[in-house]
All heavy atoms as atom14 arrays in JSON, in Angstrom:
{
  "sequence": "KALICYGKSPVTTNILNLLPSLQLLVTASTGFNHIDLDECRSRGIAVA",
  "atom14_mask": [
    [1, 1, 1, 1, 1, 1, 1, 1, 1, 0, 0, 0, 0, 0],
    [1, 1, 1, 1, 1, 0, 0, 0, 0, 0, 0, 0, 0, 0],
    [1, 1, 1, 1, 1, 1, 1, 1, 0, 0, 0, 0, 0, 0],
    [1, 1, 1, 1, 1, 1, 1, 1, 0, 0, 0, 0, 0, 0],
    [1, 1, 1, 1, 1, 1, 0, 0, 0, 0, 0, 0, 0, 0],
    [1, 1, 1, 1, 1, 1, 1, 1, 1, 1, 1, 1, 0, 0],
    [1, 1, 1, 1, 0, 0, 0, 0, 0, 0, 0, 0, 0, 0],
    [1, 1, 1, 1, 1, 1, 1, 1, 1, 0, 0, 0, 0, 0],
    [1, 1, 1, 1, 1, 1, 0, 0, 0, 0, 0, 0, 0, 0],
    [1, 1, 1, 1, 1, 1, 1, 0, 0, 0, 0, 0, 0, 0],
    [1, 1, 1, 1, 1, 1, 1, 0, 0, 0, 0, 0, 0, 0],
    [1, 1, 1, 1, 1, 1, 1, 0, 0, 0, 0, 0, 0, 0],
    [1, 1, 1, 1, 1, 1, 1, 0, 0, 0, 0, 0, 0, 0],
    [1, 1, 1, 1, 1, 1, 1, 1, 0, 0, 0, 0, 0, 0],
    [1, 1, 1, 1, 1, 1, 1, 1, 0, 0, 0, 0, 0, 0],
    [1, 1, 1, 1, 1, 1, 1, 1, 0, 0, 0, 0, 0, 0],
    [1, 1, 1, 1, 1, 1, 1, 1, 0, 0, 0, 0, 0, 0],
    [1, 1, 1, 1, 1, 1, 1, 1, 0, 0, 0, 0, 0, 0],
    [1, 1, 1, 1, 1, 1, 1, 1, 0, 0, 0, 0, 0, 0],
    [1, 1, 1, 1, 1, 1, 1, 0, 0, 0, 0, 0, 0, 0],
    [1, 1, 1, 1, 1, 1, 0, 0, 0, 0, 0, 0, 0, 0],
    [1, 1, 1, 1, 1, 1, 1, 1, 0, 0, 0, 0, 0, 0],
    [1, 1, 1, 1, 1, 1, 1, 1, 1, 0, 0, 0, 0, 0],
    [1, 1, 1, 1, 1, 1, 1, 1, 0, 0, 0, 0, 0, 0],
    [1, 1, 1, 1, 1, 1, 1, 1, 0, 0, 0, 0, 0, 0],
    [1, 1, 1, 1, 1, 1, 1, 0, 0, 0, 0, 0, 0, 0],
    [1, 1, 1, 1, 1, 1, 1, 0, 0, 0, 0, 0, 0, 0],
    [1, 1, 1, 1, 1, 0, 0, 0, 0, 0, 0, 0, 0, 0],
    [1, 1, 1, 1, 1, 1, 0, 0, 0, 0, 0, 0, 0, 0],
    [1, 1, 1, 1, 1, 1, 1, 0, 0, 0, 0, 0, 0, 0],
    [1, 1, 1, 1, 0, 0, 0, 0, 0, 0, 0, 0, 0, 0],
    [1, 1, 1, 1, 1, 1, 1, 1, 1, 1, 1, 0, 0, 0],
    [1, 1, 1, 1, 1, 1, 1, 1, 0, 0, 0, 0, 0, 0],
    [1, 1, 1, 1, 1, 1, 1, 1, 1, 1, 0, 0, 0, 0],
    [1, 1, 1, 1, 1, 1, 1, 1, 0, 0, 0, 0, 0, 0],
    [1, 1, 1, 1, 1, 1, 1, 1, 0, 0, 0, 0, 0, 0],
    [1, 1, 1, 1, 1, 1, 1, 1, 0, 0, 0, 0, 0, 0],
    [1, 1, 1, 1, 1, 1, 1, 1, 0, 0, 0, 0, 0, 0],
    [1, 1, 1, 1, 1, 1, 1, 1, 1, 0, 0, 0, 0, 0],
    [1, 1, 1, 1, 1, 1, 0, 0, 0, 0, 0, 0, 0, 0],
    [1, 1, 1, 1, 1, 1, 1, 1, 1, 1, 1, 0, 0, 0],
    [1, 1, 1, 1, 1, 1, 0, 0, 0, 0, 0, 0, 0, 0],
    [1, 1, 1, 1, 1, 1, 1, 1, 1, 1, 1, 0, 0, 0],
    [1, 1, 1, 1, 0, 0, 0, 0, 0, 0, 0, 0, 0, 0],
    [1, 1, 1, 1, 1, 1, 1, 1, 0, 0, 0, 0, 0, 0],
    [1, 1, 1, 1, 1, 0, 0, 0, 0, 0, 0, 0, 0, 0],
    [1, 1, 1, 1, 1, 1, 1, 0, 0, 0, 0, 0, 0, 0],
    [1, 1, 1, 1, 1, 0, 0, 0, 0, 0, 0, 0, 0, 0]
  ],
  "atom14_positions": [
    [[1.65, 0.86, -5.4], [0.54, 0.81, -4.37], [-0.78, 0.94, -4.98], [-1.8, 0.61, -4.32], [0.72, 1.93, -3.28], [2.09, 1.77, -2.42], [2.12, 2.75, -1.4], [3.36, 2.6, -0.49], [3.47, 3.68, 0.5], [0.0, 0.0, 0.0], [0.0, 0.0, 0.0], [0.0, 0.0, 0.0], [0.0, 0.0, 0.0], [0.0, 0.0, 0.0]],
    [[-0.74, 1.55, -6.26], [-2.16, 1.69, -6.77], [-2.14, 1.33, -8.35], [-1.2, 1.56, -9.01], [-2.55, 3.22, -6.78], [0.0, 0.0, 0.0], [0.0, 0.0, 0.0], [0.0, 0.0, 0.0], [0.0, 0.0, 0.0], [0.0, 0.0, 0.0], [0.0, 0.0, 0.0], [0.0, 0.0, 0.0], [0.0, 0.0, 0.0], [0.0, 0.0, 0.0]],
    [[-3.24, 0.71, -8.67], [-3.26, 0.12, -10.11], [-4.66, 0.67, -10.66], [-5.73, 0.56, -10.02], [-3.18, -1.31, -10.02], [-3.7, -2.16, -11.32], [-2.81, -1.83, -12.47], [-3.62, -3.63, -11.05], [0.0, 0.0, 0.0], [0.0, 0.0, 0.0], [0.0, 0.0, 0.0], [0.0, 0.0, 0.0], [0.0, 0.0, 0.0], [0.0, 0.0, 0.0]],
    [[-4.63, 1.04, -11.93], [-5.93, 1.38, -12.57], [-6.16, 0.39, -13.75], [-5.09, 0.06, -14.47], [-5.88, 2.82, -13.21], [-7.26, 3.05, -13.92], [-4.77, 3.03, -14.17], [-7.49, 4.47, -14.28], [0.0, 0.0, 0.0], [0.0, 0.0, 0.0], [0.0, 0.0, 0.0], [0.0, 0.0, 0.0], [0.0, 0.0, 0.0], [0.0, 0.0, 0.0]],
    [[-7.29, -0.22, -13.8], [-7.56, -1.26, -14.72], [-8.95, -1.05, -15.45], [-9.68, 0.05, -15.09], [-7.57, -2.73, -14.06], [-8.94, -2.86, -12.94], [0.0, 0.0, 0.0], [0.0, 0.0, 0.0], [0.0, 0.0, 0.0], [0.0, 0.0, 0.0], [0.0, 0.0, 0.0], [0.0, 0.0, 0.0], [0.0, 0.0, 0.0], [0.0, 0.0, 0.0]],
    [[-9.4, -1.94, -16.28], [-10.71, -1.91, -16.93], [-11.16, -3.35, -17.37], [-10.32, -4.3, -17.14], [-10.83, -0.86, -17.92], [-10.24, -1.2, -19.27], [-11.04, -1.22, -20.43], [-8.94, -1.56, -19.35], [-10.48, -1.59, -21.64], [-8.36, -1.79, -20.65], [-9.16, -1.84, -21.76], [-8.59, -2.24, -22.89], [0.0, 0.0, 0.0], [0.0, 0.0, 0.0]],
    [[-12.24, -3.42, -17.93], [-12.84, -4.73, -18.25], [-11.93, -5.68, -19.12], [-11.92, -6.88, -18.94], [0.0, 0.0, 0.0], [0.0, 0.0, 0.0], [0.0, 0.0, 0.0], [0.0, 0.0, 0.0], [0.0, 0.0, 0.0], [0.0, 0.0, 0.0], [0.0, 0.0, 0.0], [0.0, 0.0, 0.0], [0.0, 0.0, 0.0], [0.0, 0.0, 0.0]],
    [[-11.15, -5.06, -20.03], [-10.3, -5.87, -20.87], [-8.9, -6.04, -20.39], [-8.01, -6.45, -21.09], [-10.22, -5.28, -22.33], [-11.69, -5.35, -23.01], [-11.58, -4.87, -24.39], [-13.0, -4.99, -25.07], [-13.05, -4.39, -26.46], [0.0, 0.0, 0.0], [0.0, 0.0, 0.0], [0.0, 0.0, 0.0], [0.0, 0.0, 0.0], [0.0, 0.0, 0.0]],
    [[-8.77, -5.67, -19.04], [-7.37, -5.72, -18.45], [-7.66, -6.45, -17.11], [-7.73, -5.81, -16.08], [-6.78, -4.35, -18.24], [-5.49, -4.52, -17.65], [0.0, 0.0, 0.0], [0.0, 0.0, 0.0], [0.0, 0.0, 0.0], [0.0, 0.0, 0.0], [0.0, 0.0, 0.0], [0.0, 0.0, 0.0], [0.0, 0.0, 0.0], [0.0, 0.0, 0.0]],
    [[-7.94, -7.79, -17.1], [-8.23, -8.51, -15.88], [-7.28, -8.46, -14.8], [-6.02, -8.47, -15.1], [-8.38, -9.92, -16.39], [-8.33, -9.96, -17.84], [-7.8, -8.64, -18.25], [0.0, 0.0, 0.0], [0.0, 0.0, 0.0], [0.0, 0.0, 0.0], [0.0, 0.0, 0.0], [0.0, 0.0, 0.0], [0.0, 0.0, 0.0], [0.0, 0.0, 0.0]],
    [[-7.66, -8.31, -13.58], [-6.73, -8.41, -12.47], [-6.89, -9.79, -11.77], [-7.98, -9.99, -11.03], [-6.98, -7.29, -11.45], [-6.0, -7.38, -10.21], [-6.75, -5.98, -12.23], [0.0, 0.0, 0.0], [0.0, 0.0, 0.0], [0.0, 0.0, 0.0], [0.0, 0.0, 0.0], [0.0, 0.0, 0.0], [0.0, 0.0, 0.0], [0.0, 0.0, 0.0]],
    [[-5.99, -10.64, -12.08], [-6.15, -12.07, -11.5], [-5.3, -12.34, -10.34], [-4.49, -11.43, -9.92], [-5.75, -13.06, -12.64], [-4.4, -12.83, -12.96], [-6.63, -12.95, -13.91], [0.0, 0.0, 0.0], [0.0, 0.0, 0.0], [0.0, 0.0, 0.0], [0.0, 0.0, 0.0], [0.0, 0.0, 0.0], [0.0, 0.0, 0.0], [0.0, 0.0, 0.0]],
    [[-5.39, -13.47, -9.74], [-4.5, -13.82, -8.58], [-3.09, -13.71, -9.08], [-2.21, -13.42, -8.34], [-4.9, -15.31, -8.19], [-6.21, -15.31, -7.67], [-3.96, -15.59, -6.97], [0.0, 0.0, 0.0], [0.0, 0.0, 0.0], [0.0, 0.0, 0.0], [0.0, 0.0, 0.0], [0.0, 0.0, 0.0], [0.0, 0.0, 0.0], [0.0, 0.0, 0.0]],
    [[-2.75, -14.25, -10.29], [-1.37, -14.17, -10.8], [-0.89, -12.77, -10.83], [0.4, -12.47, -10.45], [-1.29, -14.8, -12.09], [-1.53, -16.27, -12.13], [-1.3, -16.92, -11.07], [-1.93, -16.87, -13.28], [0.0, 0.0, 0.0], [0.0, 0.0, 0.0], [0.0, 0.0, 0.0], [0.0, 0.0, 0.0], [0.0, 0.0, 0.0], [0.0, 0.0, 0.0]],
    [[-1.69, -11.8, -11.23], [-1.27, -10.35, -11.24], [-0.99, -9.91, -9.86], [-0.05, -9.23, -9.53], [-2.32, -9.56, -12.01], [-2.59, -9.84, -13.3], [-2.04, -8.02, -11.73], [-1.33, -9.47, -14.26], [0.0, 0.0, 0.0], [0.0, 0.0, 0.0], [0.0, 0.0, 0.0], [0.0, 0.0, 0.0], [0.0, 0.0, 0.0], [0.0, 0.0, 0.0]],
    [[-1.98, -10.26, -9.0], [-1.74, -9.88, -7.57], [-0.57, -10.42, -6.91], [0.14, -9.73, -6.06], [-3.06, -10.11, -6.79], [-4.33, -9.43, -7.22], [-5.55, -10.03, -6.49], [-4.31, -7.96, -7.09], [0.0, 0.0, 0.0], [0.0, 0.0, 0.0], [0.0, 0.0, 0.0], [0.0, 0.0, 0.0], [0.0, 0.0, 0.0], [0.0, 0.0, 0.0]],
    [[-0.25, -11.56, -7.39], [1.05, -12.26, -6.73], [2.17, -11.43, -7.08], [3.2, -11.54, -6.26], [1.09, -13.62, -7.17], [0.17, -14.6, -6.52], [-0.42, -14.39, -5.37], [-0.16, -15.69, -7.16], [0.0, 0.0, 0.0], [0.0, 0.0, 0.0], [0.0, 0.0, 0.0], [0.0, 0.0, 0.0], [0.0, 0.0, 0.0], [0.0, 0.0, 0.0]],
    [[2.25, -10.79, -8.2], [3.37, -10.06, -8.65], [3.36, -8.71, -8.04], [4.41, -7.92, -8.25], [3.3, -9.89, -10.21], [3.54, -11.21, -10.85], [3.18, -10.93, -12.43], [4.88, -11.76, -10.73], [0.0, 0.0, 0.0], [0.0, 0.0, 0.0], [0.0, 0.0, 0.0], [0.0, 0.0, 0.0], [0.0, 0.0, 0.0], [0.0, 0.0, 0.0]],
    [[2.42, -8.3, -7.34], [2.42, -6.83, -6.77], [2.07, -7.05, -5.27], [0.91, -6.56, -4.79], [1.21, -6.12, -7.45], [1.29, -5.9, -9.06], [0.03, -5.39, -9.56], [2.52, -5.05, -9.32], [0.0, 0.0, 0.0], [0.0, 0.0, 0.0], [0.0, 0.0, 0.0], [0.0, 0.0, 0.0], [0.0, 0.0, 0.0], [0.0, 0.0, 0.0]],
    [[3.06, -7.31, -4.44], [2.84, -7.56, -3.05], [2.54, -6.17, -2.26], [1.99, -6.36, -1.15], [4.17, -8.15, -2.56], [5.13, -7.88, -3.64], [4.34, -7.76, -4.89], [0.0, 0.0, 0.0], [0.0, 0.0, 0.0], [0.0, 0.0, 0.0], [0.0, 0.0, 0.0], [0.0, 0.0, 0.0], [0.0, 0.0, 0.0], [0.0, 0.0, 0.0]],
    [[2.86, -5.22, -2.82], [2.69, -3.84, -2.1], [1.45, -3.11, -2.56], [1.06, -2.07, -2.08], [3.91, -2.9, -2.39], [5.11, -3.54, -1.92], [0.0, 0.0, 0.0], [0.0, 0.0, 0.0], [0.0, 0.0, 0.0], [0.0, 0.0, 0.0], [0.0, 0.0, 0.0], [0.0, 0.0, 0.0], [0.0, 0.0, 0.0], [0.0, 0.0, 0.0]],
    [[0.65, -3.84, -3.44], [-0.64, -3.11, -3.97], [-1.6, -2.92, -2.81], [-1.86, -3.85, -2.06], [-1.19, -3.97, -5.01], [-2.39, -3.28, -5.9], [-1.86, -2.07, -6.58], [-3.03, -4.39, -6.7], [0.0, 0.0, 0.0], [0.0, 0.0, 0.0], [0.0, 0.0, 0.0], [0.0, 0.0, 0.0], [0.0, 0.0, 0.0], [0.0, 0.0, 0.0]],
    [[-2.14, -1.72, -2.78], [-3.06, -1.42, -1.73], [-4.48, -0.83, -2.33], [-5.52, -0.9, -1.66], [-2.6, -0.29, -0.77], [-1.33, -0.72, 0.01], [-0.74, 0.43, 0.81], [-1.53, 1.36, 1.25], [0.59, 0.34, 1.12], [0.0, 0.0, 0.0], [0.0, 0.0, 0.0], [0.0, 0.0, 0.0], [0.0, 0.0, 0.0], [0.0, 0.0, 0.0]],
    [[-4.5, -0.42, -3.56], [-5.61, 0.1, -4.12], [-5.83, -0.3, -5.68], [-4.84, -0.22, -6.33], [-5.6, 1.64, -4.13], [-6.79, 2.38, -4.9], [-8.18, 2.03, -4.22], [-6.54, 3.87, -4.97], [0.0, 0.0, 0.0], [0.0, 0.0, 0.0], [0.0, 0.0, 0.0], [0.0, 0.0, 0.0], [0.0, 0.0, 0.0], [0.0, 0.0, 0.0]],
    [[-6.98, -0.69, -6.02], [-7.21, -1.21, -7.38], [-8.41, -0.23, -7.82], [-9.57, -0.5, -7.27], [-7.6, -2.6, -7.46], [-7.36, -3.31, -8.8], [-7.36, -4.89, -8.57], [-8.51, -2.93, -9.68], [0.0, 0.0, 0.0], [0.0, 0.0, 0.0], [0.0, 0.0, 0.0], [0.0, 0.0, 0.0], [0.0, 0.0, 0.0], [0.0, 0.0, 0.0]],
    [[-8.33, 0.53, -8.83], [-9.41, 1.35, -9.27], [-9.68, 0.87, -10.72], [-8.75, 0.85, -11.6], [-8.89, 2.93, -9.34], [-10.09, 3.71, -9.89], [-8.68, 3.37, -8.05], [0.0, 0.0, 0.0], [0.0, 0.0, 0.0], [0.0, 0.0, 0.0], [0.0, 0.0, 0.0], [0.0, 0.0, 0.0], [0.0, 0.0, 0.0], [0.0, 0.0, 0.0]],
    [[-11.02, 0.62, -10.9], [-11.33, 0.11, -12.13], [-12.15, 1.33, -12.89], [-13.02, 2.01, -12.37], [-12.18, -1.13, -12.21], [-12.56, -1.39, -13.54], [-13.45, -0.97, -11.37], [0.0, 0.0, 0.0], [0.0, 0.0, 0.0], [0.0, 0.0, 0.0], [0.0, 0.0, 0.0], [0.0, 0.0, 0.0], [0.0, 0.0, 0.0], [0.0, 0.0, 0.0]],
    [[-11.84, 1.48, -14.24], [-12.48, 2.51, -14.97], [-13.72, 1.99, -15.61], [-14.1, 2.21, -16.76], [-11.51, 3.05, -16.08], [0.0, 0.0, 0.0], [0.0, 0.0, 0.0], [0.0, 0.0, 0.0], [0.0, 0.0, 0.0], [0.0, 0.0, 0.0], [0.0, 0.0, 0.0], [0.0, 0.0, 0.0], [0.0, 0.0, 0.0], [0.0, 0.0, 0.0]],
    [[-14.52, 1.29, -14.72], [-15.82, 0.75, -15.16], [-16.68, 0.69, -14.16], [-16.18, 0.83, -12.97], [-15.51, -0.69, -15.74], [-14.99, -1.56, -14.79], [0.0, 0.0, 0.0], [0.0, 0.0, 0.0], [0.0, 0.0, 0.0], [0.0, 0.0, 0.0], [0.0, 0.0, 0.0], [0.0, 0.0, 0.0], [0.0, 0.0, 0.0], [0.0, 0.0, 0.0]],
    [[-17.97, 0.35, -14.33], [-18.89, 0.0, -13.16], [-18.81, -1.45, -12.77], [-18.8, -1.65, -11.53], [-20.35, 0.27, -13.74], [-20.42, 1.64, -14.16], [-21.36, 0.06, -12.64], [0.0, 0.0, 0.0], [0.0, 0.0, 0.0], [0.0, 0.0, 0.0], [0.0, 0.0, 0.0], [0.0, 0.0, 0.0], [0.0, 0.0, 0.0], [0.0, 0.0, 0.0]],
    [[-18.61, -2.37, -13.62], [-18.53, -3.86, -13.27], [-17.19, -4.25, -12.65], [-16.27, -3.61, -12.85], [0.0, 0.0, 0.0], [0.0, 0.0, 0.0], [0.0, 0.0, 0.0], [0.0, 0.0, 0.0], [0.0, 0.0, 0.0], [0.0, 0.0, 0.0], [0.0, 0.0, 0.0], [0.0, 0.0, 0.0], [0.0, 0.0, 0.0], [0.0, 0.0, 0.0]],
    [[-17.28, -5.5, -12.04], [-16.09, -5.92, -11.47], [-15.7, -7.4, -11.97], [-14.82, -8.06, -11.31], [-16.29, -6.06, -9.97], [-16.72, -4.8, -9.32], [-18.01, -4.57, -8.91], [-15.85, -3.78, -9.12], [-18.35, -3.36, -8.39], [-16.17, -2.61, -8.51], [-17.48, -2.35, -8.14], [0.0, 0.0, 0.0], [0.0, 0.0, 0.0], [0.0, 0.0, 0.0]],
    [[-16.41, -7.94, -12.99], [-16.1, -9.24, -13.34], [-14.78, -9.69, -13.87], [-14.33, -10.79, -14.11], [-17.18, -9.78, -14.35], [-17.25, -8.94, -15.57], [-17.57, -7.79, -15.55], [-17.0, -9.59, -16.71], [0.0, 0.0, 0.0], [0.0, 0.0, 0.0], [0.0, 0.0, 0.0], [0.0, 0.0, 0.0], [0.0, 0.0, 0.0], [0.0, 0.0, 0.0]],
    [[-13.94, -8.57, -14.09], [-12.57, -8.73, -14.47], [-11.59, -8.73, -13.31], [-10.47, -8.73, -13.45], [-12.19, -7.6, -15.47], [-12.39, -6.22, -15.01], [-13.62, -5.69, -14.7], [-11.51, -5.38, -14.61], [-13.57, -4.46, -14.31], [-12.34, -4.21, -14.15], [0.0, 0.0, 0.0], [0.0, 0.0, 0.0], [0.0, 0.0, 0.0], [0.0, 0.0, 0.0]],
    [[-12.15, -8.5, -12.06], [-11.36, -8.46, -10.8], [-11.65, -9.62, -9.94], [-12.81, -9.98, -9.65], [-11.6, -7.21, -10.13], [-11.33, -5.91, -11.01], [-10.82, -7.03, -8.81], [-11.7, -4.6, -10.4], [0.0, 0.0, 0.0], [0.0, 0.0, 0.0], [0.0, 0.0, 0.0], [0.0, 0.0, 0.0], [0.0, 0.0, 0.0], [0.0, 0.0, 0.0]],
    [[-10.61, -10.19, -9.43], [-10.77, -11.21, -8.31], [-11.03, -10.63, -6.99], [-10.0, -10.25, -6.25], [-9.53, -12.11, -8.31], [-9.65, -13.33, -7.41], [-10.52, -13.3, -6.53], [-8.91, -14.4, -7.81], [0.0, 0.0, 0.0], [0.0, 0.0, 0.0], [0.0, 0.0, 0.0], [0.0, 0.0, 0.0], [0.0, 0.0, 0.0], [0.0, 0.0, 0.0]],
    [[-12.29, -10.23, -6.78], [-12.57, -9.49, -5.62], [-12.24, -10.24, -4.31], [-11.94, -9.67, -3.31], [-14.11, -9.12, -5.61], [-14.53, -7.97, -6.57], [-15.97, -7.9, -6.63], [-13.79, -6.67, -6.33], [0.0, 0.0, 0.0], [0.0, 0.0, 0.0], [0.0, 0.0, 0.0], [0.0, 0.0, 0.0], [0.0, 0.0, 0.0], [0.0, 0.0, 0.0]],
    [[-12.58, -11.52, -4.27], [-12.27, -12.39, -2.99], [-10.81, -12.33, -2.72], [-10.4, -12.07, -1.51], [-12.6, -13.78, -3.25], [-14.29, -13.95, -3.32], [-14.82, -13.1, -2.77], [-14.58, -14.93, -3.86], [0.0, 0.0, 0.0], [0.0, 0.0, 0.0], [0.0, 0.0, 0.0], [0.0, 0.0, 0.0], [0.0, 0.0, 0.0], [0.0, 0.0, 0.0]],
    [[-9.92, -12.44, -3.72], [-8.49, -12.33, -3.48], [-8.06, -10.91, -2.98], [-7.33, -10.9, -1.99], [-7.72, -12.72, -4.76], [-6.25, -12.9, -4.57], [-5.97, -14.11, -3.7], [-6.78, -15.04, -3.62], [-4.87, -14.14, -3.05], [0.0, 0.0, 0.0], [0.0, 0.0, 0.0], [0.0, 0.0, 0.0], [0.0, 0.0, 0.0], [0.0, 0.0, 0.0]],
    [[-8.7, -9.81, -3.62], [-8.39, -8.47, -3.12], [-8.79, -8.26, -1.76], [-7.99, -7.76, -0.86], [-9.07, -7.44, -3.99], [-8.4, -7.36, -5.6], [0.0, 0.0, 0.0], [0.0, 0.0, 0.0], [0.0, 0.0, 0.0], [0.0, 0.0, 0.0], [0.0, 0.0, 0.0], [0.0, 0.0, 0.0], [0.0, 0.0, 0.0], [0.0, 0.0, 0.0]],
    [[-9.95, -8.83, -1.27], [-10.37, -8.71, 0.14], [-9.44, -9.39, 1.02], [-9.05, -8.93, 2.12], [-11.81, -9.33, 0.19], [-12.88, -8.46, -0.46], [-14.35, -8.81, -0.19], [-15.31, -8.15, -0.8], [-15.9, -8.73, -1.9], [-15.69, -9.85, -2.3], [-16.84, -7.91, -2.47], [0.0, 0.0, 0.0], [0.0, 0.0, 0.0], [0.0, 0.0, 0.0]],
    [[-9.01, -10.69, 0.72], [-8.14, -11.42, 1.51], [-6.77, -10.78, 1.72], [-6.07, -11.02, 2.81], [-7.96, -12.82, 0.9], [-7.18, -12.81, -0.28], [0.0, 0.0, 0.0], [0.0, 0.0, 0.0], [0.0, 0.0, 0.0], [0.0, 0.0, 0.0], [0.0, 0.0, 0.0], [0.0, 0.0, 0.0], [0.0, 0.0, 0.0], [0.0, 0.0, 0.0]],
    [[-6.35, -9.99, 0.68], [-5.09, -9.21, 0.79], [-5.25, -7.85, 1.43], [-4.27, -7.16, 1.49], [-4.42, -9.16, -0.57], [-4.12, -10.51, -1.18], [-3.64, -10.37, -2.57], [-3.38, -11.69, -3.27], [-2.29, -12.14, -3.61], [-1.18, -11.37, -3.35], [-2.09, -13.37, -4.08], [0.0, 0.0, 0.0], [0.0, 0.0, 0.0], [0.0, 0.0, 0.0]],
    [[-6.4, -7.44, 1.63], [-6.65, -6.05, 2.13], [-6.57, -4.97, 1.13], [-6.13, -3.81, 1.57], [0.0, 0.0, 0.0], [0.0, 0.0, 0.0], [0.0, 0.0, 0.0], [0.0, 0.0, 0.0], [0.0, 0.0, 0.0], [0.0, 0.0, 0.0], [0.0, 0.0, 0.0], [0.0, 0.0, 0.0], [0.0, 0.0, 0.0], [0.0, 0.0, 0.0]],
    [[-6.71, -5.27, -0.2], [-6.62, -4.38, -1.15], [-7.95, -3.71, -1.4], [-9.02, -4.4, -1.67], [-6.11, -5.07, -2.5], [-4.71, -5.66, -2.39], [-6.07, -4.03, -3.68], [-4.32, -6.51, -3.51], [0.0, 0.0, 0.0], [0.0, 0.0, 0.0], [0.0, 0.0, 0.0], [0.0, 0.0, 0.0], [0.0, 0.0, 0.0], [0.0, 0.0, 0.0]],
    [[-8.09, -2.35, -1.34], [-9.23, -1.63, -1.54], [-9.57, -1.67, -3.08], [-8.65, -1.61, -3.91], [-9.17, -0.25, -0.99], [0.0, 0.0, 0.0], [0.0, 0.0, 0.0], [0.0, 0.0, 0.0], [0.0, 0.0, 0.0], [0.0, 0.0, 0.0], [0.0, 0.0, 0.0], [0.0, 0.0, 0.0], [0.0, 0.0, 0.0], [0.0, 0.0, 0.0]],
    [[-10.92, -1.65, -3.4], [-11.24, -1.61, -4.7], [-12.34, -0.58, -4.94], [-13.23, -0.46, -4.09], [-11.92, -3.01, -5.24], [-12.35, -2.97, -6.75], [-10.83, -4.19, -5.07], [0.0, 0.0, 0.0], [0.0, 0.0, 0.0], [0.0, 0.0, 0.0], [0.0, 0.0, 0.0], [0.0, 0.0, 0.0], [0.0, 0.0, 0.0], [0.0, 0.0, 0.0]],
    [[-12.14, 0.23, -6.04], [-13.13, 1.23, -6.26], [-13.51, 1.21, -7.76], [-12.69, 0.92, -8.58], [-12.53, 2.72, -5.96], [0.0, 0.0, 0.0], [0.0, 0.0, 0.0], [0.0, 0.0, 0.0], [0.0, 0.0, 0.0], [0.0, 0.0, 0.0], [0.0, 0.0, 0.0], [0.0, 0.0, 0.0], [0.0, 0.0, 0.0], [0.0, 0.0, 0.0]]
  ]
}
């Protein structure tokens, strides 16, 4: 349900497809250019 990532560990649509139960994505960074934010929003995945 929860995943922690950072800039050198991108969270792509392919990653999200493999995690259908994911509800929270926490990045250990300030930026988000390694995260597919639009895809997270469409799936209802919270991002912090």
